[in-house]
N, C-alpha and C. Protein backbone atom coordinates (compact mmCIF):
# COMPACT_ATOMS: atom_id res chain seq x y z
N MET A 1 0.85 -1.18 0.00
CA MET A 1 0.00 0.00 0.00
C MET A 1 0.89 1.24 0.00
N ALA A 2 0.60 2.17 -0.86
CA ALA A 2 1.39 3.40 -0.96
C ALA A 2 1.13 4.31 0.22
N ASN A 3 2.18 5.01 0.62
CA ASN A 3 2.00 5.97 1.72
C ASN A 3 1.19 7.15 1.25
N ILE A 4 0.21 7.51 2.03
CA ILE A 4 -0.62 8.67 1.75
C ILE A 4 -0.10 9.79 2.64
N PRO A 5 0.45 10.84 2.06
CA PRO A 5 0.98 11.91 2.90
C PRO A 5 -0.14 12.65 3.64
N VAL A 6 0.20 13.18 4.80
CA VAL A 6 -0.77 13.95 5.57
C VAL A 6 -0.72 15.39 5.08
N ASP A 7 -1.85 15.88 4.61
CA ASP A 7 -1.96 17.27 4.20
C ASP A 7 -2.49 18.05 5.40
N ALA A 8 -1.64 18.89 5.97
CA ALA A 8 -2.01 19.65 7.17
C ALA A 8 -2.64 21.00 6.84
N THR A 9 -2.91 21.27 5.56
CA THR A 9 -3.45 22.57 5.15
C THR A 9 -4.73 22.90 5.89
N ALA A 10 -5.65 21.96 5.97
CA ALA A 10 -6.94 22.22 6.65
C ALA A 10 -6.73 22.58 8.11
N PHE A 11 -5.74 21.97 8.74
CA PHE A 11 -5.48 22.26 10.15
C PHE A 11 -5.12 23.73 10.33
N SER A 12 -4.32 24.26 9.42
CA SER A 12 -3.92 25.67 9.55
C SER A 12 -5.01 26.61 9.05
N VAL A 13 -5.67 26.27 7.94
CA VAL A 13 -6.71 27.15 7.38
C VAL A 13 -7.85 27.37 8.37
N PHE A 14 -8.22 26.33 9.10
CA PHE A 14 -9.32 26.44 10.06
C PHE A 14 -8.81 26.59 11.50
N ASP A 15 -7.53 26.87 11.64
CA ASP A 15 -6.92 27.15 12.95
C ASP A 15 -7.24 26.06 13.96
N MET A 16 -7.02 24.81 13.56
CA MET A 16 -7.31 23.66 14.41
C MET A 16 -6.16 23.43 15.39
N GLN A 17 -6.47 23.40 16.65
CA GLN A 17 -5.49 23.10 17.69
C GLN A 17 -5.38 21.59 17.82
N GLU A 18 -4.16 21.08 17.83
CA GLU A 18 -3.96 19.64 17.98
C GLU A 18 -4.16 19.23 19.43
N LEU A 19 -4.85 18.12 19.62
CA LEU A 19 -5.10 17.59 20.96
C LEU A 19 -4.53 16.19 21.09
N SER A 20 -4.00 15.91 22.27
CA SER A 20 -3.58 14.56 22.63
C SER A 20 -4.45 14.13 23.81
N ALA A 21 -4.25 12.93 24.29
CA ALA A 21 -5.01 12.49 25.46
C ALA A 21 -4.71 13.39 26.66
N GLU A 22 -3.48 13.86 26.75
CA GLU A 22 -3.07 14.69 27.87
C GLU A 22 -3.65 16.10 27.80
N THR A 23 -3.85 16.62 26.59
CA THR A 23 -4.31 18.01 26.43
C THR A 23 -5.79 18.11 26.06
N PHE A 24 -6.46 16.99 25.92
CA PHE A 24 -7.82 16.98 25.39
C PHE A 24 -8.78 17.84 26.23
N ASP A 25 -8.89 17.55 27.49
CA ASP A 25 -9.88 18.25 28.32
C ASP A 25 -9.54 19.73 28.50
N SER A 26 -8.28 20.04 28.70
CA SER A 26 -7.90 21.45 28.84
C SER A 26 -8.07 22.19 27.52
N GLY A 27 -7.83 21.50 26.41
CA GLY A 27 -8.05 22.13 25.10
C GLY A 27 -9.50 22.49 24.91
N LEU A 28 -10.39 21.56 25.22
CA LEU A 28 -11.82 21.85 25.10
C LEU A 28 -12.23 22.97 26.03
N GLU A 29 -11.65 22.99 27.22
CA GLU A 29 -11.96 24.05 28.18
C GLU A 29 -11.62 25.42 27.61
N SER A 30 -10.57 25.48 26.80
CA SER A 30 -10.15 26.75 26.21
C SER A 30 -11.19 27.29 25.21
N ALA A 31 -12.12 26.47 24.77
CA ALA A 31 -13.16 26.92 23.85
C ALA A 31 -14.20 27.78 24.56
N GLY A 32 -14.23 27.72 25.89
CA GLY A 32 -15.19 28.53 26.63
C GLY A 32 -16.62 28.23 26.19
N GLY A 33 -17.36 29.28 25.83
CA GLY A 33 -18.75 29.13 25.44
C GLY A 33 -18.95 28.92 23.95
N GLU A 34 -17.87 28.66 23.21
CA GLU A 34 -18.01 28.41 21.78
C GLU A 34 -18.37 26.94 21.54
N LEU A 35 -19.01 26.67 20.43
CA LEU A 35 -19.25 25.29 20.01
C LEU A 35 -17.92 24.75 19.49
N ALA A 36 -17.40 23.75 20.15
CA ALA A 36 -16.12 23.15 19.78
C ALA A 36 -16.37 21.89 18.96
N VAL A 37 -15.50 21.66 18.00
CA VAL A 37 -15.55 20.43 17.22
C VAL A 37 -14.15 19.84 17.18
N VAL A 38 -14.09 18.53 17.42
CA VAL A 38 -12.82 17.82 17.34
C VAL A 38 -12.89 16.91 16.12
N PHE A 39 -11.95 17.13 15.21
CA PHE A 39 -11.82 16.34 14.00
C PHE A 39 -10.86 15.19 14.32
N PHE A 40 -11.42 13.99 14.48
CA PHE A 40 -10.62 12.80 14.70
C PHE A 40 -10.27 12.21 13.34
N TRP A 41 -8.98 12.04 13.10
CA TRP A 41 -8.50 11.55 11.82
C TRP A 41 -7.39 10.54 12.06
N GLY A 42 -6.89 9.96 11.00
CA GLY A 42 -5.81 8.99 11.13
C GLY A 42 -4.80 9.12 10.02
N PHE A 43 -3.56 8.81 10.34
CA PHE A 43 -2.47 8.80 9.39
C PHE A 43 -2.75 7.76 8.31
N GLU A 44 -2.51 8.12 7.07
CA GLU A 44 -2.75 7.26 5.90
C GLU A 44 -4.23 6.87 5.77
N CYS A 45 -5.10 7.75 6.21
CA CYS A 45 -6.54 7.54 6.08
C CYS A 45 -7.01 8.27 4.83
N PHE A 46 -7.32 7.52 3.80
CA PHE A 46 -7.73 8.09 2.52
C PHE A 46 -8.97 8.97 2.69
N ASN A 47 -9.97 8.46 3.43
CA ASN A 47 -11.22 9.22 3.60
C ASN A 47 -11.01 10.51 4.41
N CYS A 48 -10.02 10.50 5.31
CA CYS A 48 -9.70 11.72 6.06
C CYS A 48 -9.14 12.79 5.12
N GLU A 49 -8.28 12.37 4.21
CA GLU A 49 -7.70 13.31 3.24
C GLU A 49 -8.79 13.85 2.31
N ILE A 50 -9.71 13.00 1.90
CA ILE A 50 -10.84 13.43 1.06
C ILE A 50 -11.67 14.46 1.82
N ALA A 51 -11.94 14.21 3.10
CA ALA A 51 -12.74 15.14 3.91
C ALA A 51 -12.04 16.49 4.02
N LYS A 52 -10.74 16.48 4.26
CA LYS A 52 -10.01 17.75 4.38
C LYS A 52 -10.07 18.53 3.07
N LYS A 53 -9.91 17.83 1.95
CA LYS A 53 -9.99 18.51 0.64
C LYS A 53 -11.38 19.10 0.41
N ALA A 54 -12.41 18.37 0.80
CA ALA A 54 -13.78 18.87 0.64
C ALA A 54 -14.00 20.09 1.52
N MET A 55 -13.47 20.08 2.72
CA MET A 55 -13.59 21.23 3.62
C MET A 55 -12.85 22.44 3.03
N LEU A 56 -11.67 22.19 2.48
CA LEU A 56 -10.88 23.27 1.89
C LEU A 56 -11.54 23.85 0.64
N ALA A 57 -12.41 23.08 0.01
CA ALA A 57 -13.12 23.57 -1.17
C ALA A 57 -14.21 24.56 -0.80
N LYS A 58 -14.60 24.60 0.48
CA LYS A 58 -15.66 25.50 0.97
C LYS A 58 -15.22 26.21 2.23
N PRO A 59 -14.08 26.88 2.20
CA PRO A 59 -13.57 27.47 3.45
C PRO A 59 -14.49 28.52 4.05
N ASP A 60 -15.13 29.34 3.23
CA ASP A 60 -16.01 30.38 3.77
C ASP A 60 -17.23 29.77 4.45
N GLU A 61 -17.79 28.73 3.84
CA GLU A 61 -18.95 28.07 4.43
C GLU A 61 -18.58 27.38 5.75
N ILE A 62 -17.41 26.76 5.78
CA ILE A 62 -16.96 26.09 7.00
C ILE A 62 -16.73 27.13 8.10
N ARG A 63 -16.07 28.22 7.77
CA ARG A 63 -15.82 29.27 8.78
C ARG A 63 -17.13 29.89 9.26
N ALA A 64 -18.11 30.02 8.38
CA ALA A 64 -19.40 30.63 8.74
C ALA A 64 -20.15 29.81 9.79
N LEU A 65 -19.76 28.56 9.98
CA LEU A 65 -20.41 27.73 11.00
C LEU A 65 -20.03 28.18 12.41
N GLY A 66 -18.99 29.00 12.54
CA GLY A 66 -18.63 29.57 13.83
C GLY A 66 -18.15 28.55 14.86
N LEU A 67 -17.30 27.64 14.45
CA LEU A 67 -16.83 26.58 15.33
C LEU A 67 -15.43 26.87 15.85
N LYS A 68 -15.13 26.38 17.03
CA LYS A 68 -13.77 26.37 17.56
C LYS A 68 -13.22 24.98 17.24
N TRP A 69 -12.20 24.94 16.39
CA TRP A 69 -11.71 23.69 15.83
C TRP A 69 -10.54 23.09 16.59
N PHE A 70 -10.57 21.77 16.70
CA PHE A 70 -9.48 20.98 17.25
C PHE A 70 -9.31 19.75 16.36
N HIS A 71 -8.16 19.11 16.45
CA HIS A 71 -7.97 17.86 15.71
C HIS A 71 -7.08 16.91 16.50
N SER A 72 -7.24 15.62 16.22
CA SER A 72 -6.41 14.61 16.86
C SER A 72 -6.26 13.41 15.95
N ASN A 73 -5.03 12.99 15.78
CA ASN A 73 -4.72 11.77 15.03
C ASN A 73 -4.90 10.60 15.99
N VAL A 74 -5.99 9.88 15.86
CA VAL A 74 -6.27 8.80 16.81
C VAL A 74 -5.42 7.56 16.56
N TYR A 75 -4.73 7.51 15.43
CA TYR A 75 -3.77 6.42 15.25
C TYR A 75 -2.55 6.66 16.14
N GLU A 76 -2.25 7.92 16.38
CA GLU A 76 -1.16 8.29 17.27
C GLU A 76 -1.63 8.34 18.72
N HIS A 77 -2.84 8.81 18.94
CA HIS A 77 -3.41 8.95 20.29
C HIS A 77 -4.54 7.93 20.44
N ARG A 78 -4.15 6.68 20.49
CA ARG A 78 -5.13 5.58 20.51
C ARG A 78 -6.05 5.62 21.72
N ASP A 79 -5.56 6.17 22.84
CA ASP A 79 -6.43 6.23 24.03
C ASP A 79 -7.63 7.13 23.78
N LEU A 80 -7.51 8.14 22.92
CA LEU A 80 -8.68 8.97 22.58
C LEU A 80 -9.66 8.18 21.73
N GLY A 81 -9.15 7.37 20.83
CA GLY A 81 -10.02 6.50 20.04
C GLY A 81 -10.82 5.57 20.92
N ARG A 82 -10.16 5.04 21.94
CA ARG A 82 -10.86 4.15 22.88
C ARG A 82 -11.84 4.94 23.75
N ARG A 83 -11.41 6.10 24.21
CA ARG A 83 -12.27 6.93 25.07
C ARG A 83 -13.60 7.26 24.39
N PHE A 84 -13.54 7.53 23.08
CA PHE A 84 -14.75 7.91 22.35
C PHE A 84 -15.30 6.77 21.50
N MET A 85 -14.78 5.58 21.73
CA MET A 85 -15.26 4.37 21.06
C MET A 85 -15.36 4.56 19.54
N LEU A 86 -14.29 5.08 18.97
CA LEU A 86 -14.28 5.32 17.53
C LEU A 86 -14.06 4.01 16.79
N HIS A 87 -14.87 3.78 15.79
CA HIS A 87 -14.74 2.59 14.95
C HIS A 87 -14.30 2.97 13.55
N GLY A 88 -14.14 4.25 13.32
CA GLY A 88 -13.70 4.70 12.01
C GLY A 88 -13.46 6.19 12.02
N VAL A 89 -12.64 6.61 11.09
CA VAL A 89 -12.35 8.03 10.90
C VAL A 89 -12.52 8.33 9.42
N PRO A 90 -12.83 9.53 9.08
CA PRO A 90 -12.92 10.71 9.93
C PRO A 90 -14.23 10.75 10.74
N THR A 91 -14.11 11.31 11.93
CA THR A 91 -15.26 11.53 12.80
C THR A 91 -15.08 12.89 13.47
N TRP A 92 -16.17 13.61 13.58
CA TRP A 92 -16.16 14.91 14.25
C TRP A 92 -17.08 14.82 15.46
N PHE A 93 -16.57 15.22 16.63
CA PHE A 93 -17.38 15.28 17.84
C PHE A 93 -17.59 16.74 18.20
N PHE A 94 -18.80 17.08 18.61
CA PHE A 94 -19.16 18.44 19.00
C PHE A 94 -19.27 18.52 20.51
N PHE A 95 -18.72 19.61 21.07
CA PHE A 95 -18.70 19.81 22.51
C PHE A 95 -19.11 21.24 22.83
N TYR A 96 -19.74 21.40 23.98
CA TYR A 96 -20.08 22.72 24.49
C TYR A 96 -19.80 22.70 25.99
N ARG A 97 -18.91 23.57 26.41
CA ARG A 97 -18.50 23.63 27.82
C ARG A 97 -18.11 22.25 28.35
N GLY A 98 -17.40 21.50 27.51
CA GLY A 98 -16.91 20.18 27.89
C GLY A 98 -17.91 19.06 27.74
N LYS A 99 -19.18 19.37 27.46
CA LYS A 99 -20.21 18.33 27.32
C LYS A 99 -20.31 17.90 25.87
N ARG A 100 -20.27 16.60 25.65
CA ARG A 100 -20.38 16.06 24.30
C ARG A 100 -21.83 16.18 23.82
N LEU A 101 -22.00 16.77 22.64
CA LEU A 101 -23.34 17.03 22.10
C LEU A 101 -23.73 16.09 20.97
N GLY A 102 -22.76 15.53 20.30
CA GLY A 102 -23.08 14.68 19.16
C GLY A 102 -21.86 14.49 18.29
N ARG A 103 -22.09 13.83 17.15
CA ARG A 103 -20.98 13.55 16.26
C ARG A 103 -21.44 13.42 14.83
N ALA A 104 -20.48 13.54 13.95
CA ALA A 104 -20.69 13.27 12.52
C ALA A 104 -19.61 12.27 12.13
N THR A 105 -20.02 11.19 11.52
CA THR A 105 -19.06 10.15 11.13
C THR A 105 -18.98 10.10 9.61
N GLY A 106 -17.78 10.24 9.11
CA GLY A 106 -17.57 10.25 7.66
C GLY A 106 -17.97 11.60 7.08
N TRP A 107 -17.40 11.94 5.97
CA TRP A 107 -17.76 13.18 5.27
C TRP A 107 -18.78 12.84 4.21
N HIS A 108 -20.00 13.30 4.40
CA HIS A 108 -21.08 13.03 3.45
C HIS A 108 -21.56 14.32 2.81
N GLY A 109 -20.67 15.29 2.75
CA GLY A 109 -20.99 16.56 2.14
C GLY A 109 -21.23 17.65 3.16
N PHE A 110 -21.11 18.88 2.67
CA PHE A 110 -21.25 20.02 3.55
C PHE A 110 -22.64 20.08 4.19
N GLY A 111 -23.67 19.79 3.44
CA GLY A 111 -25.04 19.87 3.95
C GLY A 111 -25.25 18.99 5.17
N GLN A 112 -24.74 17.79 5.13
CA GLN A 112 -24.90 16.89 6.27
C GLN A 112 -24.08 17.38 7.46
N PHE A 113 -22.88 17.89 7.20
CA PHE A 113 -22.06 18.43 8.29
C PHE A 113 -22.74 19.64 8.91
N GLU A 114 -23.28 20.52 8.07
CA GLU A 114 -24.00 21.70 8.55
C GLU A 114 -25.20 21.29 9.40
N ALA A 115 -25.89 20.22 9.02
CA ALA A 115 -27.03 19.72 9.79
C ALA A 115 -26.57 19.20 11.15
N ALA A 116 -25.41 18.56 11.21
CA ALA A 116 -24.87 18.09 12.49
C ALA A 116 -24.54 19.26 13.40
N VAL A 117 -23.99 20.33 12.81
CA VAL A 117 -23.69 21.54 13.59
C VAL A 117 -24.99 22.15 14.11
N ALA A 118 -26.00 22.22 13.27
CA ALA A 118 -27.30 22.78 13.69
C ALA A 118 -27.91 21.95 14.82
N ALA A 119 -27.79 20.63 14.74
CA ALA A 119 -28.31 19.77 15.81
C ALA A 119 -27.58 20.04 17.12
N ALA A 120 -26.26 20.22 17.04
CA ALA A 120 -25.48 20.53 18.25
C ALA A 120 -25.90 21.89 18.82
N ARG A 121 -26.11 22.86 17.96
CA ARG A 121 -26.55 24.18 18.44
C ARG A 121 -27.92 24.10 19.09
N GLY A 122 -28.78 23.26 18.58
CA GLY A 122 -30.09 23.05 19.20
C GLY A 122 -29.96 22.48 20.61
N LYS A 123 -28.99 21.60 20.81
CA LYS A 123 -28.76 21.04 22.14
C LYS A 123 -28.20 22.11 23.08
N ILE A 124 -27.41 23.02 22.55
CA ILE A 124 -26.88 24.13 23.37
C ILE A 124 -28.02 24.99 23.88
N GLN A 125 -28.99 25.26 23.03
CA GLN A 125 -30.14 26.08 23.44
C GLN A 125 -30.88 25.41 24.60
N VAL A 126 -31.03 24.08 24.54
CA VAL A 126 -31.71 23.35 25.60
C VAL A 126 -30.88 23.41 26.88
N LEU A 127 -29.56 23.22 26.77
CA LEU A 127 -28.69 23.27 27.94
C LEU A 127 -28.71 24.66 28.58
N ASP A 128 -28.63 25.69 27.76
CA ASP A 128 -28.63 27.05 28.28
C ASP A 128 -29.97 27.41 28.92
N ALA A 129 -31.05 26.88 28.38
CA ALA A 129 -32.38 27.17 28.94
C ALA A 129 -32.52 26.54 30.34
N LYS A 130 -31.83 25.42 30.56
CA LYS A 130 -31.89 24.74 31.86
C LYS A 130 -31.01 25.41 32.89
N ALA A 131 -30.02 26.17 32.42
CA ALA A 131 -29.04 26.77 33.35
C ALA A 131 -29.59 27.95 34.10
């Protein structure tokens, strides 16, 4: 199998902070009241590279979602893969004030990702109404 290079362009374009098992919780805490998303990906993951390219094709739309971005290579940080019971990448988990709100598994287009973000924002409204 040929080596698939890691294209880190999306990480810089969307200002994604890298997280490890050791920095995960403090990283999310740094998001404060923003909707945080963690992009779980893997080295030599063809579908992860496809997802990053698709995201880079719509940078304005992705930025308009107003997310605080993080990323983690779960092949390198396997304990995070176990912690979140990941069975495949790419996967995006949404968090608000450290609480997990939901996830999107696989890149199925911008519309589906946008719908996952909207669902997470709906959960934020419910959480804030209870506070």
